[in-house]
Amino acid sequence: MSESTQHNCMVIQFLKGKILMNIKKKALTNAEKQKRYRERQKDRGKKEMRGYLSPEAQKCYELIAEQTKWNDSIILSNAVRLTYAAYKNGQIGLLNSWLNKNEL
């Protein structure tokens, strides 16, 4: 077998290997990507929370996001922490009455 034929055979074997590797590495679907993202977040000690905002809360959210440039996660985390702080300091009633008085 000539040197050129041997080289061609090696190239063909290399390309076959690459093609097989590409076939085995299929692209992840969006659902798989989302699942992996949620698993990484959970491994970091984060908890997913879901819910719906009232129209009043939506207005507050938009103002906070605009003023602070915070993302949803930071806004939600801070809202929970601030509510907890008000509760622990006996101010939850005052906070609720202020929200109701100001129609928020």
C-alpha atoms as a PDB file:
ATOM      1  CA  MET A   1       0.000   0.000   0.000  1.00  0.00           C
ATOM      2  CA  SER A   2       1.436   3.360  -1.002  1.00  0.00           C
ATOM      3  CA  GLU A   3       2.006   6.209   1.417  1.00  0.00           C
ATOM      4  CA  SER A   4      -0.733   8.287  -0.185  1.00  0.00           C
ATOM      5  CA  THR A   5      -3.237   5.395   0.101  1.00  0.00           C
ATOM      6  CA  GLN A   6      -2.328   4.888   3.756  1.00  0.00           C
ATOM      7  CA  HIS A   7      -2.811   8.601   4.385  1.00  0.00           C
ATOM      8  CA  ASN A   8      -6.212   8.542   2.656  1.00  0.00           C
ATOM      9  CA  CYS A   9      -7.266   5.522   4.741  1.00  0.00           C
ATOM     10  CA  MET A  10      -6.231   7.311   7.941  1.00  0.00           C
ATOM     11  CA  VAL A  11      -8.194  10.416   6.921  1.00  0.00           C
ATOM     12  CA  ILE A  12     -11.273   8.311   6.159  1.00  0.00           C
ATOM     13  CA  GLN A  13     -11.013   6.518   9.537  1.00  0.00           C
ATOM     14  CA  PHE A  14     -10.618   9.882  11.288  1.00  0.00           C
ATOM     15  CA  LEU A  15     -13.679  11.314   9.526  1.00  0.00           C
ATOM     16  CA  LYS A  16     -15.736   8.194  10.299  1.00  0.00           C
ATOM     17  CA  GLY A  17     -14.829   8.611  13.964  1.00  0.00           C
ATOM     18  CA  LYS A  18     -15.822  12.295  13.908  1.00  0.00           C
ATOM     19  CA  ILE A  19     -19.140  11.501  12.233  1.00  0.00           C
ATOM     20  CA  LEU A  20     -19.888   8.768  14.777  1.00  0.00           C
ATOM     21  CA  MET A  21     -19.037  11.139  17.632  1.00  0.00           C
ATOM     22  CA  ASN A  22     -21.365  13.791  16.188  1.00  0.00           C
ATOM     23  CA  ILE A  23     -24.173  11.270  15.813  1.00  0.00           C
ATOM     24  CA  LYS A  24     -23.760  10.188  19.453  1.00  0.00           C
ATOM     25  CA  LYS A  25     -23.721  13.837  20.665  1.00  0.00           C
ATOM     26  CA  LYS A  26     -27.296  14.815  19.904  1.00  0.00           C
ATOM     27  CA  ALA A  27     -28.451  18.330  20.671  1.00  0.00           C
ATOM     28  CA  LEU A  28     -30.298  18.873  23.927  1.00  0.00           C
ATOM     29  CA  THR A  29     -33.942  19.853  23.704  1.00  0.00           C
ATOM     30  CA  ASN A  30     -35.165  22.994  25.440  1.00  0.00           C
ATOM     31  CA  ALA A  31     -36.814  20.862  28.132  1.00  0.00           C
ATOM     32  CA  GLU A  32     -33.504  19.089  28.810  1.00  0.00           C
ATOM     33  CA  LYS A  33     -31.661  22.412  28.992  1.00  0.00           C
ATOM     34  CA  GLN A  34     -34.251  23.809  31.418  1.00  0.00           C
ATOM     35  CA  LYS A  35     -34.056  20.684  33.555  1.00  0.00           C
ATOM     36  CA  ARG A  36     -30.254  20.924  33.743  1.00  0.00           C
ATOM     37  CA  TYR A  37     -30.493  24.633  34.622  1.00  0.00           C
ATOM     38  CA  ARG A  38     -33.009  23.933  37.431  1.00  0.00           C
ATOM     39  CA  GLU A  39     -30.793  21.126  38.758  1.00  0.00           C
ATOM     40  CA  ARG A  40     -27.732  23.425  38.822  1.00  0.00           C
ATOM     41  CA  GLN A  41     -29.717  26.114  40.644  1.00  0.00           C
ATOM     42  CA  LYS A  42     -30.963  23.553  43.166  1.00  0.00           C
ATOM     43  CA  ASP A  43     -27.387  22.320  43.693  1.00  0.00           C
ATOM     44  CA  ARG A  44     -26.445  25.931  44.503  1.00  0.00           C
ATOM     45  CA  GLY A  45     -29.039  25.953  47.278  1.00  0.00           C
ATOM     46  CA  LYS A  46     -31.635  27.984  45.394  1.00  0.00           C
ATOM     47  CA  LYS A  47     -35.360  27.231  45.457  1.00  0.00           C
ATOM     48  CA  GLU A  48     -37.731  27.896  42.583  1.00  0.00           C
ATOM     49  CA  MET A  49     -40.857  29.861  43.514  1.00  0.00           C
ATOM     50  CA  ARG A  50     -43.770  30.498  41.215  1.00  0.00           C
ATOM     51  CA  GLY A  51     -46.866  32.598  41.445  1.00  0.00           C
ATOM     52  CA  TYR A  52     -48.887  35.356  39.886  1.00  0.00           C
ATOM     53  CA  LEU A  53     -48.725  39.055  40.680  1.00  0.00           C
ATOM     54  CA  SER A  54     -51.819  41.120  41.329  1.00  0.00           C
ATOM     55  CA  PRO A  55     -52.149  44.267  39.195  1.00  0.00           C
ATOM     56  CA  GLU A  56     -51.032  46.315  42.221  1.00  0.00           C
ATOM     57  CA  ALA A  57     -47.973  44.121  42.757  1.00  0.00           C
ATOM     58  CA  GLN A  58     -47.194  44.276  39.032  1.00  0.00           C
ATOM     59  CA  LYS A  59     -47.019  48.082  39.235  1.00  0.00           C
ATOM     60  CA  CYS A  60     -44.675  47.839  42.220  1.00  0.00           C
ATOM     61  CA  TYR A  61     -42.564  45.247  40.421  1.00  0.00           C
ATOM     62  CA  GLU A  62     -42.179  47.455  37.344  1.00  0.00           C
ATOM     63  CA  LEU A  63     -41.144  50.464  39.439  1.00  0.00           C
ATOM     64  CA  ILE A  64     -38.608  48.437  41.433  1.00  0.00           C
ATOM     65  CA  ALA A  65     -37.149  46.798  38.313  1.00  0.00           C
ATOM     66  CA  GLU A  66     -36.869  50.153  36.544  1.00  0.00           C
ATOM     67  CA  GLN A  67     -35.240  51.940  39.487  1.00  0.00           C
ATOM     68  CA  THR A  68     -32.888  49.177  40.647  1.00  0.00           C
ATOM     69  CA  LYS A  69     -32.218  47.204  37.430  1.00  0.00           C
ATOM     70  CA  TRP A  70     -32.678  44.046  39.526  1.00  0.00           C
ATOM     71  CA  ASN A  71     -33.766  40.806  37.847  1.00  0.00           C
ATOM     72  CA  ASP A  72     -36.813  38.766  38.928  1.00  0.00           C
ATOM     73  CA  SER A  73     -34.785  36.539  41.242  1.00  0.00           C
ATOM     74  CA  ILE A  74     -33.282  39.436  43.165  1.00  0.00           C
ATOM     75  CA  ILE A  75     -36.617  41.250  43.452  1.00  0.00           C
ATOM     76  CA  LEU A  76     -38.343  38.113  44.757  1.00  0.00           C
ATOM     77  CA  SER A  77     -35.528  37.256  47.170  1.00  0.00           C
ATOM     78  CA  ASN A  78     -35.475  40.776  48.581  1.00  0.00           C
ATOM     79  CA  ALA A  79     -39.278  40.900  48.860  1.00  0.00           C
ATOM     80  CA  VAL A  80     -39.293  37.702  50.927  1.00  0.00           C
ATOM     81  CA  ARG A  81     -36.394  38.909  53.109  1.00  0.00           C
ATOM     82  CA  LEU A  82     -38.006  42.324  53.709  1.00  0.00           C
ATOM     83  CA  THR A  83     -41.344  40.725  54.574  1.00  0.00           C
ATOM     84  CA  TYR A  84     -39.572  38.412  57.012  1.00  0.00           C
ATOM     85  CA  ALA A  85     -37.729  41.360  58.581  1.00  0.00           C
ATOM     86  CA  ALA A  86     -41.042  43.214  59.048  1.00  0.00           C
ATOM     87  CA  TYR A  87     -42.566  40.077  60.613  1.00  0.00           C
ATOM     88  CA  LYS A  88     -39.623  39.499  62.982  1.00  0.00           C
ATOM     89  CA  ASN A  89     -39.697  43.139  64.103  1.00  0.00           C
ATOM     90  CA  GLY A  90     -43.429  43.161  64.761  1.00  0.00           C
ATOM     91  CA  GLN A  91     -44.066  45.489  61.822  1.00  0.00           C
ATOM     92  CA  ILE A  92     -46.061  43.198  59.538  1.00  0.00           C
ATOM     93  CA  GLY A  93     -49.379  44.780  60.572  1.00  0.00           C
ATOM     94  CA  LEU A  94     -47.993  48.262  59.945  1.00  0.00           C
ATOM     95  CA  LEU A  95     -46.655  47.161  56.563  1.00  0.00           C
ATOM     96  CA  ASN A  96     -49.994  45.613  55.567  1.00  0.00           C
ATOM     97  CA  SER A  97     -51.989  48.666  56.639  1.00  0.00           C
ATOM     98  CA  TRP A  98     -49.618  50.947  54.688  1.00  0.00           C
ATOM     99  CA  LEU A  99     -50.018  48.763  51.573  1.00  0.00           C
ATOM    100  CA  ASN A 100     -53.822  48.809  51.911  1.00  0.00           C
ATOM    101  CA  LYS A 101     -53.961  52.550  52.616  1.00  0.00           C
ATOM    102  CA  ASN A 102     -51.858  53.253  49.544  1.00  0.00           C
ATOM    103  CA  GLU A 103     -53.795  50.720  47.431  1.00  0.00           C
ATOM    104  CA  LEU A 104     -50.698  48.641  46.677  1.00  0.00           C
END
